[in-house]
Structure formats: structure tokens, C-alpha cells
Amino acid sequence: MTADELREIIACGETSTVQFKLKFSTAKQIAEEMVAFANSKGGMIVFGVEDKTGQIIGLSYSEIQMLSNEVSTDANDQVRPVIYLQTEVVIVDGKRLLVAYVNQGSNKPYKTLSGNIWVKQGSDKRRIVENNEILSLFQASGSYHADEAVIAGTSMADLEVAYINDYFQKVYGKPKESFGMPVDKLLTSLGILGNGGQVTRAGMLFFGQYPQMRMPTYTIKAVAYYGNDIGGSDYRDSRDIIGTVPTMFREGMSFLKSNLHHLQAGQNFNSVGKLEIPEVVLEELLQNALVHVDLLGSAYIRLLIFDNRIEIINPGSLFGGLTVEDIRLGKSKQRNHLMAEFCARTMIYRGLGSGIPRVLKEDAKIDFVSDDGFGDFKTVIWRDTDLVGGEDGSEKTDESTQKMVNNEVVKLVENNENLVENAKTLVGNPEILVGNPEKLVEGMLVGKSRQRRLNILKAIAENPNVTAQQLAGQFGISITAVQNHLDYLKNNNLIRRVGPDKGGHWEVVGMSEKMSD
């Protein structure tokens, strides 16, 4: 390290990776500092600097020799397991300073001779005693895997036989009975059961009948907001997504698809349209959140949709010392290797660190934030506000599309005014219309709900007896949302109800010259 670099570090004061010591204090205190660094992200102890003021005092030659010997001895004798450190002397403004470097340890947790476990907290340190925090350190060293841990009081009776049978057919191409082993032994060898016949966490999350009864925090809290403020109380949709991992993945993707926009992008009238965010991006990032979650934590997975972004927040910051730059390059370390194995065999998850590079190839604008303080990993996918709305949440209308709509309306009315009275004919027999009536219908339904209303209109034209409940199931949205769309279509004279609510049917009756959201 150069003098200028160290001077800059000292000027910034003590942090979670920098500690100042004027002189050697006691072996016990120095050991505590080294343990805290090794159990956290590593750091340096700078001797010869006043810790209260950051004033550079310096050390004599004999003091440096004594300190260098003492810290090396403490790392060997006062810490378990042993810490290997490096020291160097740096001269700053003519004053000698001794810098002792402590790397992040690979055999966590590290302890003092008295058995105390310390971690860094800001510029200070704290002693940890909670079992989950201690297990987290074992997990960080790779000597403990939370997904392999058994859930007390569980047994094979808590598993769904159909899920297990499907797994064997999909992975091995034959039923479990053909292996010639007792089922409990077979499931134990796969990691679905642990010692004593109890279900592992991974086994419960992939094959359990009611996973959240045993692991209630393994839930996706999904919310689609109006605007861009997480503090807003008004939202479009909100769901608690539960079930097995494959079920939660499917439901999570359904939530995303029903609350994001589909863009025609040159596709024809009958096409649902392309999702505004490439589907592969959403699939990879949602699977990552489900698989790499920290099972020792107590927070939920959060799936938040705003007008200008999507946030997927996963309890558990990056694992094993990985950085955001590492994962962008495809580096990977498994926190939950058993869950990753099940996922790779039953879903589209591939593992091996390939997911993030694959996502980045899609040219989506994505930010990754690993927050060690809160223990979260956040993925932010930015939406194109020119396509889906303004920064303030307001809707935008494509000017060229609106001009095309106006021209087509005039042309249609001038050539055959009667055609305006029958939108069913418009949808079912577009070849008889003047101009491009498919784009006319598509264009007149402007705004964020255009594609959804267009699809509902087409569904009614094809099946006048369709119910709101059936439409909700077909398009993956709530019945309330369907009713709002139906009200819009009725108010704009596109459909009407013939007969009573029960036993009646829909009729596509006409099209107004101008429709607005």
C-alpha cells in the first residue's frame, strides 16, 4: 500500500473494514478485533493512529518489531481456528505505521480462546450468541446447509406422493418402486428425508403438501403499485404466493404477466403480444430468488411492480464472498445446493452461474444490489416508461398510432358507415373492411389496458356466453379487473348484455369513433 493510499484511508476514519490502534492494547482485545474481521468481510488494523481523532502519531522501530511479533502470536495462539495474517510498514508524512491485514475467513465461525464469537457492526464489533447467526457463519463457510436441515415433527406423511412420483418419472423415467429399495431409504438418499425419517427443508419446499405450514416465511409477497413509491397505499394487485417452489414459480410468473404490458411489436391482431420485459429475464431472476433465499432468515421474498421498475428482493445477500461483479461474469456459489439440484431437475433453472449472463444478453436495464446490512439481495428491472407510462405513472399514447387510428376511422365511416355498427363482423371478418381494421381495433383501445381489452373483446365475439369468471381464468387477472374492463367496453358502446346476468349473453354491438382510457 502506498503512503497516499493509506493517508486517504485514515482520513475517512474507522469503518467496518478499518480499525485504528495507537499502541498494542492487550492480547485479548487484539484477538477480538481479528476474530470480528475474519467472521465478516476482512479488514485491516492500523497501528500508530489515534482511534478517537485519526491523528497519525507513528511508531518507533522497536515498537514496530514488538507489535509485529505480538499480533502474529495472537493470531496463532488466541484465535480458533488459527488466522493467518500479513503485516507491512508504511511511512506516512515521515511517520512509521504498522498495518495488519486480516482476510475474510473460510472456516467461520472464528472464536477467541474464551469461546466468544465476534462480528463487525459498522466501525465497532458485537458478540453474537443467537443460534441462527452462528449457523449463518457455518453456512458461509460451507460446513452447514440450511436446506439439508430436517424439520422437527415431520415425516413422510407430510409429503405429496404425486409430486414424488412425477419427480421420479421426469428425472429417471421410471417409478420409484422399480429401484428395489424401501421408499424411505430412497428419499433419504435423495435428500428429501433426513436422519430419523424427518423431512428436510428442501424436501418440504419441493414435495411437501403444505410447505408454508412448516415454513411460513417462505412466501412471495407480490404487490403491483400505482406510481413508483413503495409507501403508496393504492395498488393494482396484491397476492401472497405460497405452495411448493415449482408452484410459486408458476404463480409468480402469472402475477408478472398479468401486471406487465404486452406489446404488439409488429405482431398480428390475434397475437397476445410480447411481454414488455423479455420472459427469460423474469424467469431466471424469479428462480434465483426462490433458490438462493437464505432459509435462516425471517423475511419474505418480495415481488414489487412499479410504473417504472420491477423489484425482486431476496432475503440473503450474495453468498460465499461473491460480489455483483462476480455474478455478472457468471461466477456462482450455492447457498442451497439441494434446492438448486431439485430445481435444475424439475424446472428451467440451469445453475452453474449461467443465469445472470443469460439475462444480461437480453439488453434489459437491470441493477443488482447486495445489502449485507439488511441481508437482502435486490434485483431492479427498469421498465421503458416511453412504452408503459411516464415517470409519474401517467399513461402515454403513441402519436403515430393515434394518427393512424384517426385516419382509419374517417376512412371506415366514409366508405361504409354501417360497418361501424357491428364490431363482431369487424373481428370475425376483417377482410371485408376498408384499410386495416385489425390495427383500427388495436389502435382505438389506446393506453395501458389496450391489449387486455382487445383480447376480452375477441373472446366475447367468439363466445357470447363467456362469464367474467372464465375471462379472469383465461387471462390470469382478478374478476374485479375483468369487470372493470367489461364496464369500459359497455360504456364505449362496444358490447351490451342481452338478458339477465344469469342466463343471458354478451353481444358485440358497435364501435365508437373514439375511445380513451
Protein backbone atom coordinates (compact mmCIF):
# COMPACT_ATOMS: atom_id res chain seq x y z
CA MET A 1 0.00 0.00 0.00
CA THR A 2 1.33 3.46 -0.83
CA ALA A 3 1.54 6.33 1.64
CA ASP A 4 -1.08 8.31 -0.31
CA GLU A 5 -3.50 5.36 -0.26
CA LEU A 6 -3.11 4.86 3.50
CA ARG A 7 -3.38 8.59 4.18
CA GLU A 8 -6.69 8.62 2.26
CA ILE A 9 -7.98 5.62 4.25
CA ILE A 10 -7.05 7.22 7.58
CA ALA A 11 -8.72 10.48 6.56
CA CYS A 12 -12.02 8.60 6.15
CA GLY A 13 -11.97 7.26 9.71
CA GLU A 14 -12.77 3.84 11.14
CA THR A 15 -15.19 1.64 9.20
CA SER A 16 -16.31 -1.98 9.15
CA THR A 17 -13.01 -2.85 7.43
CA VAL A 18 -10.60 -0.36 9.06
CA GLN A 19 -9.61 -0.15 12.74
CA PHE A 20 -7.08 2.23 14.35
CA LYS A 21 -4.85 1.42 17.34
CA LEU A 22 -2.30 3.84 18.79
CA LYS A 23 -0.37 1.14 20.64
CA PHE A 24 -0.77 -2.54 21.44
CA SER A 25 -3.56 -2.90 24.00
CA THR A 26 -4.00 -6.48 25.24
CA ALA A 27 -3.79 -9.87 23.53
CA LYS A 28 -7.48 -10.43 24.31
CA GLN A 29 -8.60 -7.14 22.67
CA ILE A 30 -6.47 -7.63 19.56
CA ALA A 31 -7.77 -11.20 19.22
CA GLU A 32 -11.36 -9.92 19.36
CA GLU A 33 -10.67 -7.45 16.55
CA MET A 34 -9.11 -10.15 14.37
CA VAL A 35 -12.00 -12.56 15.03
CA ALA A 36 -14.54 -9.86 14.09
CA PHE A 37 -12.75 -9.15 10.79
CA ALA A 38 -12.37 -12.86 9.93
CA ASN A 39 -16.07 -13.52 10.61
CA SER A 40 -17.09 -10.54 8.47
CA LYS A 41 -15.56 -9.17 5.28
CA GLY A 42 -11.98 -8.94 6.47
CA GLY A 43 -10.11 -5.70 7.13
CA MET A 44 -7.01 -4.01 8.49
CA ILE A 45 -5.73 -2.82 11.86
CA VAL A 46 -3.54 0.28 11.55
CA PHE A 47 -1.17 0.72 14.49
CA GLY A 48 0.23 4.17 15.21
CA VAL A 49 -3.02 6.13 14.66
CA GLU A 50 -5.19 7.65 17.38
CA ASP A 51 -8.56 5.91 17.15
CA LYS A 52 -10.60 8.83 18.52
CA THR A 53 -9.21 11.55 16.25
CA GLY A 54 -7.48 9.73 13.39
CA GLN A 55 -4.29 11.65 14.18
CA ILE A 56 -1.17 9.97 12.79
CA ILE A 57 1.29 9.55 15.68
CA GLY A 58 3.64 6.90 14.33
CA LEU A 59 5.73 4.14 15.89
CA SER A 60 9.39 3.69 16.74
CA TYR A 61 11.44 0.91 15.22
CA SER A 62 11.33 -1.13 18.44
CA GLU A 63 7.56 -0.65 18.78
CA ILE A 64 7.03 -1.96 15.25
CA GLN A 65 9.13 -5.05 15.98
CA MET A 66 7.24 -5.75 19.21
CA LEU A 67 3.79 -5.17 17.63
CA SER A 68 4.53 -7.31 14.58
CA ASN A 69 5.57 -10.19 16.83
CA GLU A 70 2.59 -9.79 19.18
CA VAL A 71 -0.16 -9.70 16.52
CA SER A 72 1.33 -12.74 14.77
CA THR A 73 1.45 -14.63 18.08
CA ASP A 74 -2.14 -13.65 18.91
CA ALA A 75 -3.41 -14.80 15.52
CA ASN A 76 -1.84 -18.18 16.22
CA ASP A 77 -2.48 -18.58 19.97
CA GLN A 78 -5.59 -16.52 20.78
CA VAL A 79 -7.91 -17.39 17.87
CA ARG A 80 -9.58 -20.63 16.87
CA PRO A 81 -9.25 -21.74 14.12
CA VAL A 82 -5.89 -20.09 13.52
CA ILE A 83 -5.88 -16.87 11.48
CA TYR A 84 -3.07 -16.21 9.03
CA LEU A 85 -2.36 -12.51 8.60
CA GLN A 86 0.08 -10.26 6.80
CA THR A 87 1.77 -7.12 8.07
CA GLU A 88 3.59 -4.26 6.40
CA VAL A 89 5.13 -0.95 7.43
CA VAL A 90 4.01 2.18 5.60
CA ILE A 91 5.65 5.57 6.14
CA VAL A 92 3.13 8.43 6.03
CA ASP A 93 4.38 12.00 6.41
CA GLY A 94 7.64 10.67 7.82
CA LYS A 95 5.90 8.51 10.46
CA ARG A 96 6.01 4.73 10.54
CA LEU A 97 2.71 2.84 10.73
CA LEU A 98 2.19 -0.91 11.04
CA VAL A 99 -0.73 -2.35 9.02
CA ALA A 100 -2.02 -5.84 9.90
CA TYR A 101 -4.29 -7.38 7.24
CA VAL A 102 -6.95 -9.92 8.25
CA ASN A 103 -8.68 -11.72 5.39
CA GLN A 104 -12.28 -12.86 5.47
CA GLY A 105 -12.08 -16.35 6.89
CA SER A 106 -13.01 -19.53 5.04
CA ASN A 107 -13.57 -21.57 8.23
CA LYS A 108 -16.21 -19.50 10.01
CA PRO A 109 -17.10 -19.09 12.79
CA TYR A 110 -13.84 -17.89 14.35
CA LYS A 111 -13.69 -17.64 18.14
CA THR A 112 -11.44 -16.26 20.84
CA LEU A 113 -9.88 -18.67 23.34
CA SER A 114 -12.77 -17.94 25.69
CA GLY A 115 -15.21 -19.16 23.01
CA ASN A 116 -16.69 -15.77 22.11
CA ILE A 117 -17.72 -15.12 18.51
CA TRP A 118 -17.43 -11.55 17.27
CA VAL A 119 -18.54 -9.86 14.03
CA LYS A 120 -18.13 -6.34 12.74
CA GLN A 121 -21.01 -3.90 13.06
CA GLY A 122 -20.12 -0.60 11.45
CA SER A 123 -16.85 0.66 12.92
CA ASP A 124 -17.49 -1.35 16.08
CA LYS A 125 -17.93 -5.07 16.75
CA ARG A 126 -20.52 -7.16 18.55
CA ARG A 127 -20.62 -10.59 20.12
CA ILE A 128 -23.18 -12.99 18.69
CA VAL A 129 -25.00 -15.65 20.69
CA GLU A 130 -28.15 -16.38 18.64
CA ASN A 131 -28.20 -19.84 17.11
CA ASN A 132 -29.32 -18.61 13.67
CA GLU A 133 -26.46 -16.11 13.49
CA ILE A 134 -23.96 -18.78 14.46
CA LEU A 135 -25.45 -21.16 11.89
CA SER A 136 -25.16 -18.39 9.29
CA LEU A 137 -21.41 -18.32 9.86
CA PHE A 138 -21.20 -22.10 9.49
CA GLN A 139 -23.29 -21.73 6.32
CA ALA A 140 -20.93 -19.06 4.97
CA SER A 141 -18.00 -21.46 5.37
CA GLY A 142 -19.85 -24.22 3.52
CA SER A 143 -19.88 -26.55 6.53
CA TYR A 144 -23.65 -26.20 7.03
CA HIS A 145 -26.50 -26.17 4.52
CA ALA A 146 -29.83 -24.94 5.81
CA ASP A 147 -31.79 -26.70 3.07
CA GLU A 148 -30.48 -30.08 4.33
CA ALA A 149 -31.67 -29.46 7.89
CA VAL A 150 -34.69 -31.51 8.96
CA ILE A 151 -37.95 -30.02 10.20
CA ALA A 152 -38.82 -31.35 13.64
CA GLY A 153 -42.02 -33.35 13.90
CA THR A 154 -42.33 -34.12 10.18
CA SER A 155 -42.44 -37.46 8.39
CA MET A 156 -43.22 -39.00 5.01
CA ALA A 157 -46.88 -38.29 5.73
CA ASP A 158 -46.18 -34.57 5.14
CA LEU A 159 -45.07 -35.24 1.55
CA GLU A 160 -47.31 -35.23 -1.52
CA VAL A 161 -46.97 -38.64 -3.17
CA ALA A 162 -47.99 -37.29 -6.59
CA TYR A 163 -45.13 -34.77 -6.59
CA ILE A 164 -42.63 -37.51 -5.74
CA ASN A 165 -43.99 -39.85 -8.40
CA ASP A 166 -43.79 -37.06 -11.00
CA TYR A 167 -40.19 -36.36 -9.97
CA PHE A 168 -39.10 -39.97 -10.49
CA GLN A 169 -40.84 -40.20 -13.85
CA LYS A 170 -39.38 -36.92 -15.08
CA VAL A 171 -35.83 -37.43 -13.79
CA TYR A 172 -35.37 -41.21 -14.03
CA GLY A 173 -38.10 -42.22 -16.44
CA LYS A 174 -39.45 -44.93 -14.14
CA PRO A 175 -41.43 -45.22 -10.89
CA LYS A 176 -39.76 -45.18 -7.50
CA GLU A 177 -40.87 -48.76 -6.83
CA SER A 178 -38.62 -50.02 -9.63
CA PHE A 179 -35.45 -49.17 -7.66
CA GLY A 180 -35.93 -52.13 -5.31
CA MET A 181 -35.40 -50.03 -2.19
CA PRO A 182 -37.72 -49.06 0.66
CA VAL A 183 -39.23 -45.69 -0.18
CA ASP A 184 -37.91 -44.01 2.96
CA LYS A 185 -34.34 -45.13 2.15
CA LEU A 186 -34.74 -43.92 -1.42
CA LEU A 187 -35.98 -40.49 -0.30
CA THR A 188 -33.19 -40.24 2.26
CA SER A 189 -30.57 -40.88 -0.43
CA LEU A 190 -32.06 -38.02 -2.46
CA GLY A 191 -32.07 -35.60 0.48
CA ILE A 192 -35.87 -35.38 0.68
CA LEU A 193 -35.75 -37.08 4.07
CA GLY A 194 -33.02 -36.71 6.67
CA ASN A 195 -31.96 -38.68 9.70
CA GLY A 196 -34.83 -40.19 11.61
CA GLY A 197 -37.18 -40.03 8.64
CA GLN A 198 -37.93 -36.33 9.10
CA VAL A 199 -38.42 -34.11 6.05
CA THR A 200 -35.61 -31.75 5.05
CA ARG A 201 -36.35 -28.11 4.30
CA ALA A 202 -35.59 -28.67 0.62
CA GLY A 203 -37.79 -31.77 0.62
CA MET A 204 -40.68 -29.83 2.15
CA LEU A 205 -40.35 -26.92 -0.27
CA PHE A 206 -40.38 -29.13 -3.36
CA PHE A 207 -42.53 -32.08 -2.32
CA GLY A 208 -44.49 -31.01 0.76
CA GLN A 209 -48.28 -31.00 0.94
CA TYR A 210 -48.44 -27.65 2.77
CA PRO A 211 -44.91 -26.18 2.88
CA GLN A 212 -45.89 -22.86 4.49
CA MET A 213 -47.45 -24.62 7.49
CA ARG A 214 -43.90 -25.63 8.44
CA MET A 215 -42.00 -22.72 6.85
CA PRO A 216 -44.37 -19.72 6.90
CA THR A 217 -41.82 -17.10 5.87
CA TYR A 218 -41.06 -18.89 2.61
CA THR A 219 -43.73 -16.84 0.85
CA ILE A 220 -43.70 -14.37 -2.03
CA LYS A 221 -45.32 -11.06 -1.10
CA ALA A 222 -46.35 -9.75 -4.52
CA VAL A 223 -47.69 -6.20 -4.98
CA ALA A 224 -48.31 -4.14 -8.11
CA TYR A 225 -48.39 -0.44 -7.19
CA TYR A 226 -49.77 2.63 -8.88
CA GLY A 227 -46.85 5.02 -9.31
CA ASN A 228 -43.28 4.49 -8.14
CA ASP A 229 -43.48 4.86 -4.35
CA ILE A 230 -43.34 1.78 -2.13
CA GLY A 231 -45.07 3.82 0.55
CA GLY A 232 -48.17 4.21 -1.57
CA SER A 233 -51.36 2.64 -0.23
CA ASP A 234 -53.05 2.32 -3.64
CA TYR A 235 -52.17 -0.75 -5.66
CA ARG A 236 -53.40 -2.64 -8.70
CA ASP A 237 -52.91 -6.15 -7.40
CA SER A 238 -51.64 -7.88 -4.28
CA ARG A 239 -51.11 -11.57 -3.58
CA ASP A 240 -49.42 -13.87 -1.09
CA ILE A 241 -47.96 -16.64 -3.24
CA ILE A 242 -47.45 -19.96 -1.45
CA GLY A 243 -47.02 -23.65 -2.25
CA THR A 244 -44.05 -25.67 -3.43
CA VAL A 245 -41.19 -23.98 -5.26
CA PRO A 246 -42.48 -25.01 -8.73
CA THR A 247 -45.98 -23.79 -7.82
CA MET A 248 -44.67 -20.47 -6.52
CA PHE A 249 -42.60 -20.02 -9.66
CA ARG A 250 -45.65 -20.54 -11.89
CA GLU A 251 -47.82 -18.25 -9.75
CA GLY A 252 -45.08 -15.62 -9.60
CA MET A 253 -44.72 -15.62 -13.38
CA SER A 254 -48.51 -15.40 -13.71
CA PHE A 255 -48.52 -12.34 -11.42
CA LEU A 256 -45.81 -10.68 -13.52
CA LYS A 257 -47.53 -11.44 -16.82
CA SER A 258 -50.92 -10.20 -15.63
CA ASN A 259 -49.50 -6.91 -14.32
CA LEU A 260 -46.99 -6.09 -17.07
CA HIS A 261 -47.77 -4.91 -20.58
CA HIS A 262 -47.85 -6.89 -23.79
CA LEU A 263 -46.58 -5.02 -26.83
CA GLN A 264 -47.68 -5.88 -30.35
CA ALA A 265 -44.24 -5.10 -31.83
CA GLY A 266 -45.42 -5.79 -35.37
CA GLN A 267 -47.37 -8.92 -34.49
CA ASN A 268 -50.81 -9.58 -35.91
CA PHE A 269 -54.22 -8.93 -34.45
CA ASN A 270 -54.67 -12.43 -33.00
CA SER A 271 -51.35 -12.37 -31.12
CA VAL A 272 -51.31 -11.72 -27.37
CA GLY A 273 -48.17 -9.64 -27.91
CA LYS A 274 -44.66 -9.72 -26.48
CA LEU A 275 -44.15 -9.10 -22.78
CA GLU A 276 -42.52 -5.70 -22.24
CA ILE A 277 -39.67 -7.40 -20.30
CA PRO A 278 -38.22 -10.49 -22.02
CA GLU A 279 -39.74 -13.54 -20.38
CA VAL A 280 -36.38 -15.27 -19.98
CA VAL A 281 -35.21 -12.35 -17.81
CA LEU A 282 -38.15 -12.69 -15.43
CA GLU A 283 -37.87 -16.48 -15.32
CA GLU A 284 -34.19 -16.51 -14.43
CA LEU A 285 -34.43 -13.78 -11.80
CA LEU A 286 -37.53 -15.20 -10.12
CA GLN A 287 -35.98 -18.67 -9.97
CA ASN A 288 -32.80 -17.21 -8.47
CA ALA A 289 -34.81 -15.58 -5.70
CA LEU A 290 -36.61 -18.84 -4.92
CA VAL A 291 -33.47 -20.99 -4.92
CA HIS A 292 -30.85 -18.71 -3.36
CA VAL A 293 -33.01 -17.45 -0.48
CA ASP A 294 -31.42 -17.53 2.98
CA LEU A 295 -33.52 -20.12 4.82
CA LEU A 296 -32.07 -18.97 8.15
CA GLY A 297 -33.65 -15.53 7.75
CA SER A 298 -37.13 -14.43 8.75
CA ALA A 299 -38.08 -12.17 5.83
CA TYR A 300 -40.34 -12.85 2.87
CA ILE A 301 -39.40 -12.86 -0.80
CA ARG A 302 -40.85 -9.64 -2.25
CA LEU A 303 -42.02 -9.15 -5.83
CA LEU A 304 -42.89 -5.49 -6.38
CA ILE A 305 -44.09 -3.89 -9.60
CA PHE A 306 -43.98 -0.12 -10.01
CA ASP A 307 -44.71 2.02 -13.05
CA ASN A 308 -41.00 2.50 -13.76
CA ARG A 309 -39.43 -0.70 -12.39
CA ILE A 310 -39.79 -4.21 -11.03
CA GLU A 311 -38.05 -5.19 -7.79
CA ILE A 312 -37.34 -8.77 -6.75
CA ILE A 313 -35.99 -8.74 -3.20
CA ASN A 314 -34.47 -11.94 -1.92
CA PRO A 315 -33.70 -12.50 1.80
CA GLY A 316 -30.00 -13.27 1.77
CA SER A 317 -27.20 -11.10 0.42
CA LEU A 318 -24.68 -12.59 -2.01
CA PHE A 319 -23.22 -15.79 -0.63
CA GLY A 320 -19.67 -17.00 -0.14
CA GLY A 321 -17.94 -13.67 -0.67
CA LEU A 322 -19.38 -13.17 -4.15
CA THR A 323 -19.74 -9.64 -5.46
CA VAL A 324 -22.13 -8.17 -8.01
CA GLU A 325 -19.24 -8.08 -10.48
CA ASP A 326 -18.66 -11.80 -9.89
CA ILE A 327 -22.22 -12.84 -10.71
CA ARG A 328 -22.25 -10.64 -13.80
CA LEU A 329 -19.30 -12.71 -15.01
CA GLY A 330 -21.09 -15.98 -14.27
CA LYS A 331 -19.37 -16.93 -11.00
CA SER A 332 -21.58 -18.95 -8.68
CA LYS A 333 -21.61 -20.41 -5.17
CA GLN A 334 -24.58 -22.38 -3.92
CA ARG A 335 -26.13 -21.45 -0.59
CA ASN A 336 -28.79 -24.15 -1.02
CA HIS A 337 -27.20 -26.84 -3.17
CA LEU A 338 -30.03 -29.37 -2.59
CA MET A 339 -32.69 -26.89 -3.67
CA ALA A 340 -30.61 -25.96 -6.71
CA GLU A 341 -30.38 -29.64 -7.64
CA PHE A 342 -34.15 -30.20 -7.34
CA CYS A 343 -34.82 -27.00 -9.28
CA ALA A 344 -32.44 -27.92 -12.08
CA ARG A 345 -34.19 -31.27 -12.48
CA THR A 346 -37.80 -30.10 -12.30
CA MET A 347 -37.80 -26.53 -13.67
CA ILE A 348 -35.99 -24.47 -16.30
CA TYR A 349 -33.26 -23.47 -13.83
CA ARG A 350 -29.81 -24.40 -15.14
CA GLY A 351 -27.46 -23.29 -12.36
CA LEU A 352 -23.69 -23.12 -12.89
CA GLY A 353 -23.81 -19.33 -12.78
CA SER A 354 -25.18 -19.09 -16.31
CA GLY A 355 -28.44 -17.35 -15.40
CA ILE A 356 -27.24 -13.78 -14.88
CA PRO A 357 -25.06 -13.66 -18.04
CA ARG A 358 -28.06 -15.05 -19.96
CA VAL A 359 -30.25 -12.30 -18.51
CA LEU A 360 -27.73 -9.59 -19.38
CA LYS A 361 -27.65 -10.73 -23.02
CA GLU A 362 -31.29 -9.67 -23.34
CA ASP A 363 -30.28 -5.99 -23.11
CA ALA A 364 -32.72 -5.32 -20.27
CA LYS A 365 -31.70 -2.50 -17.94
CA ILE A 366 -31.01 -4.25 -14.63
CA ASP A 367 -29.35 -3.25 -11.36
CA PHE A 368 -28.16 -5.72 -8.71
CA VAL A 369 -27.76 -4.60 -5.08
CA SER A 370 -26.35 -6.88 -2.37
CA ASP A 371 -27.04 -5.31 1.04
CA ASP A 372 -25.07 -7.03 3.79
CA GLY A 373 -26.53 -4.69 6.39
CA PHE A 374 -30.13 -5.78 5.80
CA GLY A 375 -29.15 -9.20 4.47
CA ASP A 376 -31.03 -8.68 1.20
CA PHE A 377 -30.24 -9.13 -2.46
CA LYS A 378 -32.29 -6.84 -4.68
CA THR A 379 -32.73 -7.02 -8.43
CA VAL A 380 -34.20 -3.94 -10.11
CA ILE A 381 -35.51 -4.33 -13.67
CA TRP A 382 -36.24 -0.94 -15.19
CA ARG A 383 -39.30 -0.60 -17.38
CA ASP A 384 -39.46 1.53 -20.53
CA THR A 385 -41.61 4.46 -19.40
CA ASP A 386 -41.96 5.61 -23.01
CA LEU A 387 -43.92 2.42 -23.65
CA VAL A 388 -45.77 1.81 -20.39
CA GLY A 389 -46.15 5.23 -18.80
CA GLY A 390 -44.46 8.36 -17.55
CA GLU A 391 -42.22 8.67 -14.52
CA ASP A 392 -45.21 9.95 -12.56
CA GLY A 393 -47.29 6.92 -13.52
CA SER A 394 -49.28 8.75 -16.20
CA GLU A 395 -50.16 6.89 -19.37
CA LYS A 396 -48.72 7.78 -22.76
CA THR A 397 -50.26 7.39 -26.17
CA ASP A 398 -48.15 6.71 -29.25
CA GLU A 399 -48.69 9.73 -31.54
CA SER A 400 -48.25 7.79 -34.78
CA THR A 401 -50.67 5.12 -33.59
CA GLN A 402 -53.27 7.72 -32.70
CA LYS A 403 -52.88 9.41 -36.12
CA MET A 404 -53.33 6.05 -37.81
CA VAL A 405 -56.45 5.43 -35.75
CA ASN A 406 -57.97 8.76 -36.73
CA ASN A 407 -57.27 8.15 -40.43
CA GLU A 408 -58.74 4.65 -40.33
CA VAL A 409 -61.87 5.84 -38.53
CA VAL A 410 -62.50 8.52 -41.14
CA LYS A 411 -61.85 6.08 -43.97
CA LEU A 412 -64.13 3.45 -42.44
CA VAL A 413 -67.02 5.83 -41.88
CA GLU A 414 -66.73 7.42 -45.35
CA ASN A 415 -66.73 4.07 -47.15
CA ASN A 416 -69.30 2.15 -45.19
CA GLU A 417 -70.91 3.78 -42.23
CA ASN A 418 -72.95 0.67 -41.41
CA LEU A 419 -69.87 -1.38 -40.64
CA VAL A 420 -69.33 0.70 -37.53
CA GLU A 421 -72.47 -0.84 -36.07
CA ASN A 422 -71.14 -4.38 -35.93
CA ALA A 423 -67.85 -4.95 -34.19
CA LYS A 424 -68.42 -8.70 -34.27
CA THR A 425 -68.24 -8.60 -38.03
CA LEU A 426 -65.13 -6.46 -37.68
CA VAL A 427 -63.39 -9.08 -35.55
CA GLY A 428 -64.67 -12.14 -37.35
CA ASN A 429 -64.43 -10.94 -40.96
CA PRO A 430 -61.73 -8.28 -41.15
CA GLU A 431 -61.11 -8.92 -44.84
CA ILE A 432 -64.33 -7.12 -45.77
CA LEU A 433 -63.29 -3.85 -44.18
CA VAL A 434 -61.56 -0.92 -45.80
CA GLY A 435 -57.97 -0.14 -44.80
CA ASN A 436 -56.56 -2.15 -41.89
CA PRO A 437 -59.36 -2.80 -39.39
CA GLU A 438 -57.22 -5.07 -37.22
CA LYS A 439 -54.96 -2.14 -36.43
CA LEU A 440 -58.05 0.03 -36.12
CA VAL A 441 -59.36 -2.09 -33.25
CA GLU A 442 -55.92 -2.36 -31.72
CA GLY A 443 -55.25 1.34 -32.04
CA MET A 444 -58.59 2.56 -30.74
CA LEU A 445 -58.04 0.71 -27.49
CA VAL A 446 -55.18 3.01 -26.52
CA GLY A 447 -53.45 3.17 -23.16
CA LYS A 448 -52.16 0.60 -20.71
CA SER A 449 -55.19 -1.68 -20.93
CA ARG A 450 -55.42 -1.74 -24.74
CA GLN A 451 -54.23 -5.29 -25.31
CA ARG A 452 -56.22 -6.73 -22.43
CA ARG A 453 -59.48 -5.12 -23.65
CA LEU A 454 -58.78 -6.18 -27.20
CA ASN A 455 -58.38 -9.80 -26.09
CA ILE A 456 -61.55 -9.65 -23.98
CA LEU A 457 -63.48 -8.19 -26.92
CA LYS A 458 -62.24 -11.00 -29.16
CA ALA A 459 -63.10 -13.64 -26.53
CA ILE A 460 -66.67 -12.30 -26.28
CA ALA A 461 -67.03 -12.22 -30.06
CA GLU A 462 -66.00 -15.87 -30.19
CA ASN A 463 -68.11 -16.96 -27.20
CA PRO A 464 -71.03 -14.63 -26.27
CA ASN A 465 -71.82 -16.84 -23.23
CA VAL A 466 -68.40 -16.42 -21.64
CA THR A 467 -68.53 -15.38 -17.95
CA ALA A 468 -66.43 -12.89 -16.04
CA GLN A 469 -65.00 -15.76 -14.01
CA GLN A 470 -63.99 -17.60 -17.17
CA LEU A 471 -62.35 -14.47 -18.57
CA ALA A 472 -60.44 -13.99 -15.32
CA GLY A 473 -59.12 -17.54 -15.55
CA GLN A 474 -58.28 -17.21 -19.23
CA PHE A 475 -56.23 -14.04 -18.84
CA GLY A 476 -54.84 -14.59 -15.33
CA ILE A 477 -56.39 -11.50 -13.74
CA SER A 478 -58.91 -10.87 -10.98
CA ILE A 479 -62.68 -10.92 -11.54
CA THR A 480 -62.75 -7.28 -10.38
CA ALA A 481 -60.27 -6.35 -13.12
CA VAL A 482 -62.37 -8.21 -15.70
CA GLN A 483 -65.49 -6.37 -14.56
CA ASN A 484 -63.70 -3.03 -14.92
CA HIS A 485 -62.75 -3.91 -18.49
CA LEU A 486 -66.31 -5.04 -19.28
CA ASP A 487 -67.69 -1.78 -17.88
CA TYR A 488 -65.27 0.13 -20.09
CA LEU A 489 -66.37 -1.81 -23.19
CA LYS A 490 -70.04 -1.31 -22.35
CA ASN A 491 -69.61 2.41 -21.68
CA ASN A 492 -67.93 2.81 -25.06
CA ASN A 493 -70.76 1.01 -26.89
CA LEU A 494 -68.66 -1.98 -27.91
CA ILE A 495 -70.68 -4.62 -26.06
CA ARG A 496 -74.01 -4.95 -24.33
CA ARG A 497 -75.63 -7.51 -22.09
CA VAL A 498 -78.69 -9.27 -23.53
CA GLY A 499 -80.99 -10.84 -20.94
CA PRO A 500 -80.33 -11.28 -17.19
CA ASP A 501 -76.90 -11.58 -15.63
CA LYS A 502 -77.55 -15.29 -15.17
CA GLY A 503 -78.75 -16.96 -18.33
CA GLY A 504 -78.12 -14.00 -20.63
CA HIS A 505 -75.26 -13.43 -23.05
CA TRP A 506 -72.99 -10.77 -24.44
CA GLU A 507 -73.41 -9.10 -27.78
CA VAL A 508 -70.70 -7.18 -29.62
CA VAL A 509 -72.73 -4.27 -30.96
CA GLY A 510 -70.57 -1.49 -32.32
CA MET A 511 -67.61 0.74 -32.06
CA SER A 512 -67.41 4.39 -31.16
CA GLU A 513 -65.22 6.60 -33.29
CA LYS A 514 -63.05 7.50 -30.39
CA MET A 515 -62.20 5.52 -27.28
CA SER A 516 -59.97 6.80 -24.49
CA ASP A 517 -58.75 5.36 -21.20
